[in-house]
Amino acid sequence: MNDQELFLKEKITKYYSNILEEELIDEMVKVSHYNKIPSGELMIDIGDEMTHIPLILDGIVKIMRKDDNGEEIVLHFLERGDTCAISFANCINKKRSIFRGIIEKDLEAIFLPVDSIDIWLSKFKSFRHFIIDSYHFRLLEMVDTIDGLAFMNLGERILKYLADKAKVNNTNDLDITHLDIANDLNTSRVVISRIVKQLHDENKIYSTRNKIRVLIPEK
């Protein structure tokens, strides 16, 4: 192996050796590439050609969907040890991305080429299980999102959203504005400000200017 391949193998092994066998990791390092993407940048946009799938080593990616009217909503977050499993179906069928992935926290990832996905799914049992498990988890997250839209009031949705962000960021103290929340939940800043104050008064969060502390865990 050359220096680049040894570097990639060390990175993948550190986070995925308990999931993927060494033979598969050796194949991955021959065709994949490593990249860092700073917070606020796009990882992928709606309509982009999907040439690679990330194995996330560090950082957070916010996955968003846009409706026919151009309105956006956050579906879930990807973090260390995750991959964008739902995108695999798009890759296999040579479809373009139906999601937008925005870097929430500086990203470090190994990017796997789409052309190798089919081969690895057929050849390696561990890879099939990894993708199926990841897909199942993301599907449950999206069902949870749908349930929130259908059955939760906006206050409950905001509290769940903040708890989810606290969980993936591994801290209850969030640097976030009311406008950020409004954009992610597809509502107005004025409404968010009113409900954030209500949650603050109920001692469920502690809100100051551009900062929110989550005081109770998500139920």
N, C-alpha and C. Protein backbone atom coordinates (compact mmCIF):
# COMPACT_ATOMS: atom_id res chain seq x y z
N MET A 1 0.83 -1.20 0.00
CA MET A 1 0.00 0.00 0.00
C MET A 1 0.87 1.25 0.00
N ASN A 2 0.44 2.29 -0.71
CA ASN A 2 1.14 3.56 -0.66
C ASN A 2 0.72 4.33 0.60
N ASP A 3 1.32 5.50 0.81
CA ASP A 3 1.06 6.27 2.03
C ASP A 3 -0.41 6.69 2.15
N GLN A 4 -1.02 7.07 1.00
CA GLN A 4 -2.42 7.48 1.03
C GLN A 4 -3.33 6.32 1.42
N GLU A 5 -3.06 5.14 0.87
CA GLU A 5 -3.87 3.96 1.20
C GLU A 5 -3.70 3.56 2.66
N LEU A 6 -2.48 3.66 3.17
CA LEU A 6 -2.24 3.35 4.58
C LEU A 6 -2.98 4.34 5.48
N PHE A 7 -3.00 5.61 5.08
CA PHE A 7 -3.72 6.64 5.83
C PHE A 7 -5.22 6.32 5.86
N LEU A 8 -5.78 5.98 4.70
CA LEU A 8 -7.21 5.66 4.62
C LEU A 8 -7.54 4.42 5.44
N LYS A 9 -6.67 3.41 5.36
CA LYS A 9 -6.93 2.17 6.11
C LYS A 9 -6.94 2.43 7.60
N GLU A 10 -6.00 3.25 8.05
CA GLU A 10 -5.96 3.59 9.48
C GLU A 10 -7.24 4.29 9.92
N LYS A 11 -7.73 5.22 9.10
CA LYS A 11 -8.95 5.95 9.42
C LYS A 11 -10.17 5.04 9.46
N ILE A 12 -10.35 4.21 8.41
CA ILE A 12 -11.52 3.33 8.35
C ILE A 12 -11.46 2.29 9.46
N THR A 13 -10.29 1.72 9.68
CA THR A 13 -10.14 0.69 10.71
C THR A 13 -10.49 1.23 12.09
N LYS A 14 -10.09 2.46 12.35
CA LYS A 14 -10.33 3.06 13.66
C LYS A 14 -11.81 3.10 14.01
N TYR A 15 -12.66 3.39 13.02
CA TYR A 15 -14.08 3.59 13.30
C TYR A 15 -14.98 2.44 12.84
N TYR A 16 -14.50 1.60 11.92
CA TYR A 16 -15.39 0.61 11.31
C TYR A 16 -14.88 -0.82 11.35
N SER A 17 -13.74 -1.08 12.01
CA SER A 17 -13.18 -2.44 12.01
C SER A 17 -14.08 -3.44 12.74
N ASN A 18 -14.93 -2.95 13.66
CA ASN A 18 -15.86 -3.83 14.35
C ASN A 18 -17.08 -4.16 13.51
N ILE A 19 -17.19 -3.51 12.34
CA ILE A 19 -18.34 -3.72 11.45
C ILE A 19 -17.91 -4.36 10.13
N LEU A 20 -16.81 -3.89 9.56
CA LEU A 20 -16.37 -4.30 8.23
C LEU A 20 -15.10 -5.14 8.32
N GLU A 21 -15.05 -6.23 7.53
CA GLU A 21 -13.87 -7.09 7.58
C GLU A 21 -12.69 -6.44 6.87
N GLU A 22 -11.50 -6.94 7.18
CA GLU A 22 -10.27 -6.32 6.68
C GLU A 22 -10.19 -6.37 5.16
N GLU A 23 -10.65 -7.45 4.55
CA GLU A 23 -10.59 -7.56 3.09
C GLU A 23 -11.39 -6.45 2.42
N LEU A 24 -12.57 -6.15 2.96
CA LEU A 24 -13.39 -5.07 2.42
C LEU A 24 -12.71 -3.72 2.62
N ILE A 25 -12.15 -3.49 3.81
CA ILE A 25 -11.45 -2.23 4.07
C ILE A 25 -10.29 -2.06 3.10
N ASP A 26 -9.56 -3.15 2.80
CA ASP A 26 -8.45 -3.08 1.85
C ASP A 26 -8.94 -2.67 0.46
N GLU A 27 -10.12 -3.15 0.06
CA GLU A 27 -10.66 -2.76 -1.24
C GLU A 27 -11.12 -1.30 -1.23
N MET A 28 -11.70 -0.89 -0.11
CA MET A 28 -12.17 0.49 -0.01
C MET A 28 -11.04 1.50 -0.17
N VAL A 29 -9.91 1.23 0.46
CA VAL A 29 -8.83 2.22 0.45
C VAL A 29 -8.22 2.39 -0.94
N LYS A 30 -8.43 1.42 -1.81
CA LYS A 30 -7.86 1.50 -3.16
C LYS A 30 -8.64 2.45 -4.06
N VAL A 31 -9.92 2.66 -3.75
CA VAL A 31 -10.77 3.43 -4.67
C VAL A 31 -11.43 4.64 -4.02
N SER A 32 -11.31 4.79 -2.70
CA SER A 32 -12.00 5.87 -1.98
C SER A 32 -11.07 7.06 -1.77
N HIS A 33 -11.66 8.17 -1.31
CA HIS A 33 -10.84 9.33 -0.97
C HIS A 33 -11.32 9.96 0.33
N TYR A 34 -10.40 10.66 0.96
CA TYR A 34 -10.64 11.30 2.25
C TYR A 34 -10.85 12.80 2.02
N ASN A 35 -11.77 13.38 2.80
CA ASN A 35 -12.00 14.82 2.65
C ASN A 35 -12.47 15.41 3.97
N LYS A 36 -12.15 16.69 4.15
CA LYS A 36 -12.68 17.49 5.26
C LYS A 36 -13.51 18.61 4.66
N ILE A 37 -14.70 18.84 5.23
CA ILE A 37 -15.58 19.90 4.74
C ILE A 37 -15.99 20.75 5.94
N PRO A 38 -15.77 22.07 5.87
CA PRO A 38 -16.06 22.92 7.03
C PRO A 38 -17.56 23.13 7.26
N SER A 39 -17.89 23.51 8.47
CA SER A 39 -19.27 23.80 8.86
C SER A 39 -19.88 24.86 7.95
N GLY A 40 -21.14 24.65 7.58
CA GLY A 40 -21.86 25.60 6.74
C GLY A 40 -21.81 25.28 5.26
N GLU A 41 -20.88 24.40 4.85
CA GLU A 41 -20.76 24.03 3.44
C GLU A 41 -21.74 22.91 3.09
N LEU A 42 -22.03 22.79 1.80
CA LEU A 42 -22.85 21.69 1.30
C LEU A 42 -22.01 20.44 1.11
N MET A 43 -22.53 19.30 1.55
CA MET A 43 -21.92 18.03 1.20
C MET A 43 -22.50 17.54 -0.12
N ILE A 44 -23.83 17.68 -0.24
CA ILE A 44 -24.51 17.35 -1.49
C ILE A 44 -25.80 18.15 -1.55
N ASP A 45 -26.25 18.48 -2.76
CA ASP A 45 -27.47 19.27 -2.92
C ASP A 45 -28.51 18.45 -3.68
N ILE A 46 -29.75 18.88 -3.60
CA ILE A 46 -30.83 18.24 -4.33
C ILE A 46 -30.57 18.36 -5.82
N GLY A 47 -30.65 17.24 -6.53
CA GLY A 47 -30.42 17.22 -7.97
C GLY A 47 -28.99 16.92 -8.37
N ASP A 48 -28.07 16.88 -7.39
CA ASP A 48 -26.67 16.57 -7.71
C ASP A 48 -26.53 15.11 -8.12
N GLU A 49 -25.58 14.87 -9.03
CA GLU A 49 -25.25 13.49 -9.37
C GLU A 49 -24.53 12.85 -8.18
N MET A 50 -24.93 11.65 -7.84
CA MET A 50 -24.35 10.98 -6.68
C MET A 50 -23.21 10.07 -7.14
N THR A 51 -22.00 10.52 -6.93
CA THR A 51 -20.82 9.76 -7.35
C THR A 51 -20.15 9.05 -6.19
N HIS A 52 -20.35 9.55 -4.95
CA HIS A 52 -19.72 8.96 -3.78
C HIS A 52 -20.68 9.00 -2.58
N ILE A 53 -20.47 8.07 -1.65
CA ILE A 53 -21.24 7.99 -0.41
C ILE A 53 -20.26 8.12 0.76
N PRO A 54 -20.59 8.92 1.78
CA PRO A 54 -19.64 9.14 2.87
C PRO A 54 -19.71 8.08 3.97
N LEU A 55 -18.55 7.73 4.49
CA LEU A 55 -18.43 7.07 5.79
C LEU A 55 -17.93 8.16 6.74
N ILE A 56 -18.76 8.56 7.68
CA ILE A 56 -18.43 9.73 8.50
C ILE A 56 -17.52 9.33 9.65
N LEU A 57 -16.38 10.00 9.73
CA LEU A 57 -15.39 9.77 10.79
C LEU A 57 -15.57 10.75 11.93
N ASP A 58 -15.98 11.98 11.61
CA ASP A 58 -16.20 12.99 12.64
C ASP A 58 -17.07 14.10 12.04
N GLY A 59 -17.75 14.83 12.91
CA GLY A 59 -18.60 15.91 12.44
C GLY A 59 -20.07 15.53 12.36
N ILE A 60 -20.88 16.46 11.88
CA ILE A 60 -22.34 16.27 11.80
C ILE A 60 -22.83 16.83 10.47
N VAL A 61 -23.75 16.08 9.83
CA VAL A 61 -24.38 16.53 8.58
C VAL A 61 -25.88 16.61 8.81
N LYS A 62 -26.45 17.74 8.45
CA LYS A 62 -27.91 17.93 8.54
C LYS A 62 -28.53 17.56 7.21
N ILE A 63 -29.46 16.59 7.22
CA ILE A 63 -30.11 16.13 6.00
C ILE A 63 -31.48 16.78 5.89
N MET A 64 -31.72 17.45 4.75
CA MET A 64 -32.95 18.21 4.55
C MET A 64 -33.66 17.78 3.27
N ARG A 65 -34.96 17.97 3.26
CA ARG A 65 -35.79 17.66 2.09
C ARG A 65 -36.56 18.91 1.70
N LYS A 66 -36.78 19.11 0.40
CA LYS A 66 -37.52 20.28 -0.09
C LYS A 66 -38.77 19.81 -0.82
N ASP A 67 -39.92 20.49 -0.57
CA ASP A 67 -41.15 20.11 -1.26
C ASP A 67 -41.28 20.87 -2.58
N ASP A 68 -42.39 20.65 -3.26
CA ASP A 68 -42.60 21.25 -4.59
C ASP A 68 -42.68 22.77 -4.54
N ASN A 69 -42.99 23.32 -3.37
CA ASN A 69 -43.09 24.78 -3.22
C ASN A 69 -41.77 25.41 -2.77
N GLY A 70 -40.73 24.58 -2.66
CA GLY A 70 -39.43 25.09 -2.25
C GLY A 70 -39.24 25.18 -0.75
N GLU A 71 -40.22 24.72 0.04
CA GLU A 71 -40.10 24.74 1.50
C GLU A 71 -39.24 23.57 1.96
N GLU A 72 -38.36 23.82 2.95
CA GLU A 72 -37.43 22.80 3.42
C GLU A 72 -37.72 22.41 4.86
N ILE A 73 -37.37 21.17 5.20
CA ILE A 73 -37.49 20.70 6.57
C ILE A 73 -36.36 19.72 6.85
N VAL A 74 -35.87 19.75 8.09
CA VAL A 74 -34.81 18.83 8.50
C VAL A 74 -35.40 17.45 8.77
N LEU A 75 -34.79 16.41 8.18
CA LEU A 75 -35.24 15.04 8.40
C LEU A 75 -34.47 14.38 9.53
N HIS A 76 -33.15 14.47 9.51
CA HIS A 76 -32.33 13.86 10.55
C HIS A 76 -30.90 14.38 10.44
N PHE A 77 -30.06 13.91 11.36
CA PHE A 77 -28.66 14.28 11.38
C PHE A 77 -27.81 13.03 11.22
N LEU A 78 -26.69 13.16 10.51
CA LEU A 78 -25.70 12.09 10.41
C LEU A 78 -24.51 12.47 11.28
N GLU A 79 -23.94 11.49 11.98
CA GLU A 79 -22.79 11.75 12.84
C GLU A 79 -21.76 10.64 12.70
N ARG A 80 -20.74 10.68 13.54
CA ARG A 80 -19.65 9.71 13.48
C ARG A 80 -20.17 8.27 13.46
N GLY A 81 -19.65 7.46 12.53
CA GLY A 81 -20.07 6.07 12.40
C GLY A 81 -21.25 5.87 11.47
N ASP A 82 -21.83 6.96 10.97
CA ASP A 82 -22.99 6.88 10.09
C ASP A 82 -22.57 6.94 8.63
N THR A 83 -23.52 6.56 7.78
CA THR A 83 -23.43 6.81 6.36
C THR A 83 -24.80 7.23 5.89
N CYS A 84 -24.87 7.81 4.70
CA CYS A 84 -26.17 8.25 4.16
C CYS A 84 -26.82 7.06 3.46
N ALA A 85 -27.34 6.13 4.27
CA ALA A 85 -27.80 4.84 3.75
C ALA A 85 -28.93 4.97 2.74
N ILE A 86 -29.82 5.94 2.96
CA ILE A 86 -30.97 6.07 2.05
C ILE A 86 -30.50 6.42 0.63
N SER A 87 -29.35 7.05 0.54
CA SER A 87 -28.82 7.42 -0.78
C SER A 87 -28.34 6.22 -1.58
N PHE A 88 -28.14 5.07 -0.92
CA PHE A 88 -27.64 3.91 -1.64
C PHE A 88 -28.63 3.46 -2.71
N ALA A 89 -29.93 3.56 -2.40
CA ALA A 89 -30.94 3.18 -3.40
C ALA A 89 -30.84 4.08 -4.62
N ASN A 90 -30.62 5.38 -4.39
CA ASN A 90 -30.43 6.31 -5.50
C ASN A 90 -29.19 5.95 -6.31
N CYS A 91 -28.13 5.56 -5.62
CA CYS A 91 -26.88 5.22 -6.30
C CYS A 91 -27.05 4.00 -7.18
N ILE A 92 -27.65 2.97 -6.63
CA ILE A 92 -27.82 1.72 -7.37
C ILE A 92 -28.66 1.95 -8.62
N ASN A 93 -29.68 2.82 -8.51
CA ASN A 93 -30.57 3.09 -9.64
C ASN A 93 -30.12 4.29 -10.48
N LYS A 94 -28.90 4.78 -10.18
CA LYS A 94 -28.32 5.90 -10.94
C LYS A 94 -29.21 7.14 -10.91
N LYS A 95 -29.83 7.39 -9.75
CA LYS A 95 -30.68 8.57 -9.57
C LYS A 95 -29.87 9.72 -8.98
N ARG A 96 -30.38 10.93 -9.16
CA ARG A 96 -29.75 12.09 -8.54
C ARG A 96 -30.26 12.26 -7.10
N SER A 97 -29.54 13.04 -6.33
CA SER A 97 -29.87 13.20 -4.92
C SER A 97 -31.24 13.85 -4.74
N ILE A 98 -32.00 13.34 -3.79
CA ILE A 98 -33.30 13.93 -3.44
C ILE A 98 -33.20 14.65 -2.09
N PHE A 99 -31.99 14.71 -1.51
CA PHE A 99 -31.77 15.36 -0.23
C PHE A 99 -30.70 16.43 -0.36
N ARG A 100 -30.71 17.35 0.59
CA ARG A 100 -29.62 18.31 0.74
C ARG A 100 -28.88 17.99 2.03
N GLY A 101 -27.56 17.87 1.95
CA GLY A 101 -26.74 17.59 3.12
C GLY A 101 -25.86 18.79 3.43
N ILE A 102 -26.13 19.45 4.56
CA ILE A 102 -25.39 20.64 4.98
C ILE A 102 -24.52 20.29 6.19
N ILE A 103 -23.26 20.70 6.15
CA ILE A 103 -22.35 20.38 7.25
C ILE A 103 -22.73 21.22 8.46
N GLU A 104 -23.16 20.54 9.51
CA GLU A 104 -23.55 21.20 10.76
C GLU A 104 -22.33 21.44 11.66
N LYS A 105 -21.40 20.50 11.61
CA LYS A 105 -20.15 20.59 12.38
C LYS A 105 -19.05 20.02 11.50
N ASP A 106 -17.89 20.67 11.47
CA ASP A 106 -16.80 20.30 10.55
C ASP A 106 -16.74 18.80 10.31
N LEU A 107 -16.79 18.42 9.03
CA LEU A 107 -16.90 17.01 8.64
C LEU A 107 -15.56 16.43 8.24
N GLU A 108 -15.33 15.21 8.69
CA GLU A 108 -14.19 14.40 8.25
C GLU A 108 -14.79 13.07 7.79
N ALA A 109 -14.55 12.69 6.55
CA ALA A 109 -15.21 11.50 6.01
C ALA A 109 -14.37 10.83 4.93
N ILE A 110 -14.63 9.53 4.77
CA ILE A 110 -14.11 8.76 3.64
C ILE A 110 -15.25 8.64 2.64
N PHE A 111 -14.98 8.97 1.37
CA PHE A 111 -16.03 8.93 0.35
C PHE A 111 -15.84 7.71 -0.56
N LEU A 112 -16.86 6.86 -0.56
CA LEU A 112 -16.84 5.60 -1.32
C LEU A 112 -17.45 5.82 -2.70
N PRO A 113 -16.81 5.34 -3.76
CA PRO A 113 -17.36 5.54 -5.10
C PRO A 113 -18.59 4.69 -5.35
N VAL A 114 -19.58 5.28 -5.97
CA VAL A 114 -20.84 4.60 -6.27
C VAL A 114 -20.62 3.34 -7.10
N ASP A 115 -19.66 3.38 -8.03
CA ASP A 115 -19.42 2.25 -8.93
C ASP A 115 -19.01 0.97 -8.20
N SER A 116 -18.54 1.11 -6.95
CA SER A 116 -18.11 -0.07 -6.20
C SER A 116 -19.19 -0.62 -5.28
N ILE A 117 -20.27 0.14 -5.07
CA ILE A 117 -21.29 -0.23 -4.08
C ILE A 117 -21.93 -1.58 -4.41
N ASP A 118 -22.37 -1.77 -5.64
CA ASP A 118 -23.01 -3.03 -6.04
C ASP A 118 -22.09 -4.21 -5.81
N ILE A 119 -20.83 -4.06 -6.15
CA ILE A 119 -19.86 -5.14 -6.00
C ILE A 119 -19.71 -5.53 -4.54
N TRP A 120 -19.56 -4.53 -3.69
CA TRP A 120 -19.37 -4.80 -2.26
C TRP A 120 -20.64 -5.38 -1.62
N LEU A 121 -21.80 -4.94 -2.06
CA LEU A 121 -23.05 -5.50 -1.52
C LEU A 121 -23.17 -6.98 -1.83
N SER A 122 -22.73 -7.38 -3.01
CA SER A 122 -22.78 -8.78 -3.42
C SER A 122 -21.68 -9.61 -2.78
N LYS A 123 -20.52 -9.01 -2.59
CA LYS A 123 -19.33 -9.75 -2.18
C LYS A 123 -19.16 -9.88 -0.67
N PHE A 124 -19.61 -8.86 0.08
CA PHE A 124 -19.30 -8.82 1.52
C PHE A 124 -20.57 -8.78 2.36
N LYS A 125 -20.75 -9.81 3.15
CA LYS A 125 -21.91 -9.90 4.04
C LYS A 125 -21.93 -8.75 5.04
N SER A 126 -20.75 -8.38 5.55
CA SER A 126 -20.69 -7.32 6.54
C SER A 126 -21.19 -5.99 5.97
N PHE A 127 -20.89 -5.74 4.70
CA PHE A 127 -21.32 -4.50 4.06
C PHE A 127 -22.83 -4.49 3.87
N ARG A 128 -23.39 -5.64 3.47
CA ARG A 128 -24.86 -5.73 3.34
C ARG A 128 -25.53 -5.45 4.67
N HIS A 129 -25.02 -6.06 5.74
CA HIS A 129 -25.62 -5.85 7.06
C HIS A 129 -25.49 -4.40 7.51
N PHE A 130 -24.34 -3.81 7.23
CA PHE A 130 -24.11 -2.41 7.60
C PHE A 130 -25.11 -1.50 6.91
N ILE A 131 -25.31 -1.71 5.61
CA ILE A 131 -26.23 -0.87 4.86
C ILE A 131 -27.68 -1.11 5.28
N ILE A 132 -28.06 -2.37 5.47
CA ILE A 132 -29.43 -2.68 5.89
C ILE A 132 -29.71 -2.08 7.27
N ASP A 133 -28.78 -2.24 8.20
CA ASP A 133 -28.97 -1.67 9.54
C ASP A 133 -29.05 -0.15 9.48
N SER A 134 -28.19 0.47 8.68
CA SER A 134 -28.20 1.93 8.55
C SER A 134 -29.50 2.40 7.91
N TYR A 135 -29.94 1.70 6.87
CA TYR A 135 -31.18 2.06 6.18
C TYR A 135 -32.37 1.95 7.14
N HIS A 136 -32.39 0.85 7.92
CA HIS A 136 -33.48 0.63 8.87
C HIS A 136 -33.53 1.76 9.91
N PHE A 137 -32.36 2.15 10.42
CA PHE A 137 -32.31 3.21 11.42
C PHE A 137 -32.78 4.53 10.85
N ARG A 138 -32.35 4.87 9.61
CA ARG A 138 -32.77 6.13 8.98
C ARG A 138 -34.26 6.11 8.68
N LEU A 139 -34.78 4.95 8.30
CA LEU A 139 -36.22 4.85 8.03
C LEU A 139 -37.02 5.12 9.30
N LEU A 140 -36.57 4.57 10.42
CA LEU A 140 -37.24 4.83 11.69
C LEU A 140 -37.17 6.31 12.06
N GLU A 141 -36.04 6.94 11.77
CA GLU A 141 -35.91 8.38 12.05
C GLU A 141 -36.90 9.18 11.21
N MET A 142 -37.06 8.81 9.94
CA MET A 142 -37.99 9.56 9.09
C MET A 142 -39.44 9.31 9.50
N VAL A 143 -39.75 8.09 9.93
CA VAL A 143 -41.09 7.82 10.46
C VAL A 143 -41.33 8.68 11.70
N ASP A 144 -40.29 8.81 12.52
CA ASP A 144 -40.38 9.66 13.72
C ASP A 144 -40.64 11.11 13.32
N THR A 145 -39.98 11.56 12.25
CA THR A 145 -40.20 12.92 11.75
C THR A 145 -41.63 13.10 11.27
N ILE A 146 -42.13 12.12 10.53
CA ILE A 146 -43.51 12.17 10.03
C ILE A 146 -44.50 12.18 11.20
N ASP A 147 -44.25 11.34 12.21
CA ASP A 147 -45.11 11.33 13.39
C ASP A 147 -45.12 12.70 14.07
N GLY A 148 -43.94 13.32 14.12
CA GLY A 148 -43.86 14.64 14.73
C GLY A 148 -44.70 15.66 14.00
N LEU A 149 -44.64 15.62 12.66
CA LEU A 149 -45.43 16.55 11.86
C LEU A 149 -46.92 16.29 12.01
N ALA A 150 -47.27 15.00 12.12
CA ALA A 150 -48.69 14.64 12.14
C ALA A 150 -49.32 14.77 13.53
N PHE A 151 -48.57 14.46 14.57
CA PHE A 151 -49.19 14.30 15.88
C PHE A 151 -48.67 15.25 16.96
N MET A 152 -47.51 15.86 16.78
CA MET A 152 -46.98 16.75 17.81
C MET A 152 -47.40 18.19 17.56
N ASN A 153 -47.62 18.93 18.64
CA ASN A 153 -47.79 20.37 18.45
C ASN A 153 -46.41 20.99 18.24
N LEU A 154 -46.37 22.26 17.86
CA LEU A 154 -45.09 22.87 17.49
C LEU A 154 -44.13 22.95 18.67
N GLY A 155 -44.66 23.17 19.86
CA GLY A 155 -43.79 23.21 21.03
C GLY A 155 -43.07 21.89 21.24
N GLU A 156 -43.80 20.79 21.09
CA GLU A 156 -43.20 19.46 21.23
C GLU A 156 -42.17 19.21 20.13
N ARG A 157 -42.48 19.66 18.91
CA ARG A 157 -41.54 19.49 17.80
C ARG A 157 -40.25 20.27 18.04
N ILE A 158 -40.39 21.50 18.53
CA ILE A 158 -39.20 22.32 18.81
C ILE A 158 -38.34 21.66 19.89
N LEU A 159 -38.98 21.18 20.94
CA LEU A 159 -38.24 20.56 22.03
C LEU A 159 -37.53 19.29 21.55
N LYS A 160 -38.21 18.50 20.72
CA LYS A 160 -37.58 17.29 20.17
C LYS A 160 -36.41 17.65 19.26
N TYR A 161 -36.61 18.66 18.43
CA TYR A 161 -35.55 19.12 17.53
C TYR A 161 -34.32 19.55 18.32
N LEU A 162 -34.53 20.32 19.39
CA LEU A 162 -33.41 20.79 20.21
C LEU A 162 -32.73 19.62 20.93
N ALA A 163 -33.54 18.66 21.41
CA ALA A 163 -32.97 17.49 22.07
C ALA A 163 -32.15 16.65 21.10
N ASP A 164 -32.63 16.52 19.87
CA ASP A 164 -31.88 15.77 18.85
C ASP A 164 -30.55 16.45 18.55
N LYS A 165 -30.58 17.77 18.42
CA LYS A 165 -29.34 18.51 18.16
C LYS A 165 -28.37 18.38 19.34
N ALA A 166 -28.90 18.44 20.54
CA ALA A 166 -28.05 18.28 21.72
C ALA A 166 -27.41 16.90 21.74
N LYS A 167 -28.16 15.90 21.35
CA LYS A 167 -27.65 14.53 21.35
C LYS A 167 -26.51 14.35 20.36
N VAL A 168 -26.71 14.79 19.10
CA VAL A 168 -25.67 14.58 18.09
C VAL A 168 -24.44 15.45 18.35
N ASN A 169 -24.65 16.61 19.01
CA ASN A 169 -23.52 17.48 19.32
C ASN A 169 -22.87 17.13 20.66
N ASN A 170 -23.47 16.19 21.38
CA ASN A 170 -22.94 15.73 22.67
C ASN A 170 -22.81 16.87 23.67
N THR A 171 -23.76 17.78 23.62
CA THR A 171 -23.81 18.88 24.59
C THR A 171 -25.23 19.43 24.66
N ASN A 172 -25.64 19.84 25.84
CA ASN A 172 -26.97 20.45 26.00
C ASN A 172 -26.96 21.94 25.71
N ASP A 173 -25.78 22.51 25.50
CA ASP A 173 -25.65 23.94 25.23
C ASP A 173 -25.47 24.17 23.73
N LEU A 174 -26.46 24.78 23.11
CA LEU A 174 -26.49 24.94 21.66
C LEU A 174 -26.33 26.41 21.27
N ASP A 175 -25.45 26.67 20.33
CA ASP A 175 -25.35 28.00 19.72
C ASP A 175 -26.32 28.02 18.54
N ILE A 176 -27.48 28.62 18.74
CA ILE A 176 -28.53 28.55 17.73
C ILE A 176 -29.45 29.76 17.85
N THR A 177 -29.88 30.29 16.74
CA THR A 177 -30.79 31.43 16.74
C THR A 177 -32.22 30.96 16.50
N HIS A 178 -33.16 31.83 16.80
CA HIS A 178 -34.56 31.51 16.54
C HIS A 178 -34.80 31.35 15.03
N LEU A 179 -34.06 32.12 14.24
CA LEU A 179 -34.19 32.00 12.78
C LEU A 179 -33.68 30.65 12.29
N ASP A 180 -32.60 30.13 12.89
CA ASP A 180 -32.10 28.80 12.53
C ASP A 180 -33.18 27.75 12.76
N ILE A 181 -33.82 27.82 13.92
CA ILE A 181 -34.87 26.85 14.25
C ILE A 181 -36.03 26.99 13.27
N ALA A 182 -36.43 28.22 12.99
CA ALA A 182 -37.54 28.47 12.07
C ALA A 182 -37.25 27.89 10.69
N ASN A 183 -36.03 28.09 10.20
CA ASN A 183 -35.67 27.57 8.88
C ASN A 183 -35.70 26.04 8.85
N ASP A 184 -35.17 25.42 9.91
CA ASP A 184 -35.11 23.95 9.93
C ASP A 184 -36.48 23.31 10.09
N LEU A 185 -37.39 24.00 10.80
CA LEU A 185 -38.72 23.44 11.04
C LEU A 185 -39.79 24.02 10.12
N ASN A 186 -39.35 24.88 9.19
CA ASN A 186 -40.25 25.42 8.18
C ASN A 186 -41.42 26.19 8.80
N THR A 187 -41.07 27.14 9.65
CA THR A 187 -42.10 28.01 10.23
C THR A 187 -41.50 29.41 10.38
N SER A 188 -42.22 30.32 11.03
CA SER A 188 -41.74 31.70 11.11
C SER A 188 -40.92 31.95 12.37
N ARG A 189 -40.01 32.91 12.29
CA ARG A 189 -39.17 33.25 13.44
C ARG A 189 -40.02 33.78 14.59
N VAL A 190 -41.06 34.55 14.28
CA VAL A 190 -41.91 35.13 15.32
C VAL A 190 -42.58 34.02 16.15
N VAL A 191 -43.09 33.01 15.45
CA VAL A 191 -43.73 31.88 16.14
C VAL A 191 -42.71 31.14 16.99
N ILE A 192 -41.51 30.91 16.44
CA ILE A 192 -40.46 30.21 17.19
C ILE A 192 -40.10 30.99 18.45
N SER A 193 -39.94 32.29 18.33
CA SER A 193 -39.58 33.12 19.49
C SER A 193 -40.62 33.01 20.59
N ARG A 194 -41.89 33.01 20.20
CA ARG A 194 -42.96 32.90 21.21
C ARG A 194 -42.91 31.56 21.92
N ILE A 195 -42.71 30.47 21.16
CA ILE A 195 -42.73 29.14 21.77
C ILE A 195 -41.45 28.88 22.56
N VAL A 196 -40.32 29.39 22.09
CA VAL A 196 -39.07 29.25 22.84
C VAL A 196 -39.20 29.93 24.21
N LYS A 197 -39.83 31.11 24.23
CA LYS A 197 -40.06 31.79 25.52
C LYS A 197 -40.95 30.95 26.43
N GLN A 198 -41.97 30.32 25.84
CA GLN A 198 -42.87 29.47 26.61
C GLN A 198 -42.11 28.28 27.19
N LEU A 199 -41.27 27.63 26.38
CA LEU A 199 -40.48 26.48 26.85
C LEU A 199 -39.49 26.92 27.94
N HIS A 200 -38.95 28.12 27.78
CA HIS A 200 -38.06 28.69 28.80
C HIS A 200 -38.82 28.88 30.11
N ASP A 201 -40.02 29.45 30.04
CA ASP A 201 -40.83 29.69 31.24
C ASP A 201 -41.25 28.39 31.91
N GLU A 202 -41.35 27.32 31.12
CA GLU A 202 -41.73 26.00 31.65
C GLU A 202 -40.51 25.23 32.16
N ASN A 203 -39.34 25.86 32.12
CA ASN A 203 -38.09 25.24 32.58
C ASN A 203 -37.73 23.96 31.79
N LYS A 204 -38.10 23.93 30.53
CA LYS A 204 -37.71 22.82 29.66
C LYS A 204 -36.42 23.15 28.90
N ILE A 205 -36.19 24.45 28.69
CA ILE A 205 -34.94 24.94 28.11
C ILE A 205 -34.56 26.21 28.86
N TYR A 206 -33.30 26.62 28.70
CA TYR A 206 -32.87 27.93 29.19
C TYR A 206 -32.36 28.70 27.99
N SER A 207 -33.04 29.79 27.65
CA SER A 207 -32.76 30.52 26.43
C SER A 207 -32.18 31.89 26.72
N THR A 208 -31.03 32.18 26.09
CA THR A 208 -30.46 33.52 26.08
C THR A 208 -30.22 33.88 24.62
N ARG A 209 -29.65 35.05 24.36
CA ARG A 209 -29.46 35.49 22.99
C ARG A 209 -28.56 34.53 22.22
N ASN A 210 -29.12 33.91 21.17
CA ASN A 210 -28.41 33.01 20.27
C ASN A 210 -27.85 31.77 20.96
N LYS A 211 -28.36 31.45 22.14
CA LYS A 211 -27.93 30.24 22.86
C LYS A 211 -29.14 29.62 23.54
N ILE A 212 -29.17 28.28 23.53
CA ILE A 212 -30.23 27.54 24.21
C ILE A 212 -29.62 26.34 24.93
N ARG A 213 -29.98 26.17 26.17
CA ARG A 213 -29.59 24.97 26.93
C ARG A 213 -30.82 24.08 27.07
N VAL A 214 -30.67 22.83 26.67
CA VAL A 214 -31.76 21.86 26.82
C VAL A 214 -31.73 21.32 28.24
N LEU A 215 -32.84 21.48 28.98
CA LEU A 215 -32.86 21.14 30.40
C LEU A 215 -33.48 19.79 30.68
N ILE A 216 -34.28 19.27 29.76
CA ILE A 216 -34.87 17.95 29.98
C ILE A 216 -34.55 17.08 28.78
N PRO A 217 -34.38 15.76 29.00
CA PRO A 217 -34.11 14.87 27.87
C PRO A 217 -35.34 14.64 27.04
N GLU A 218 -35.12 14.24 25.79
CA GLU A 218 -36.24 13.90 24.91
C GLU A 218 -36.93 12.67 25.46
N LYS A 219 -38.27 12.68 25.49
CA LYS A 219 -39.03 11.51 25.98
C LYS A 219 -39.34 10.58 24.82
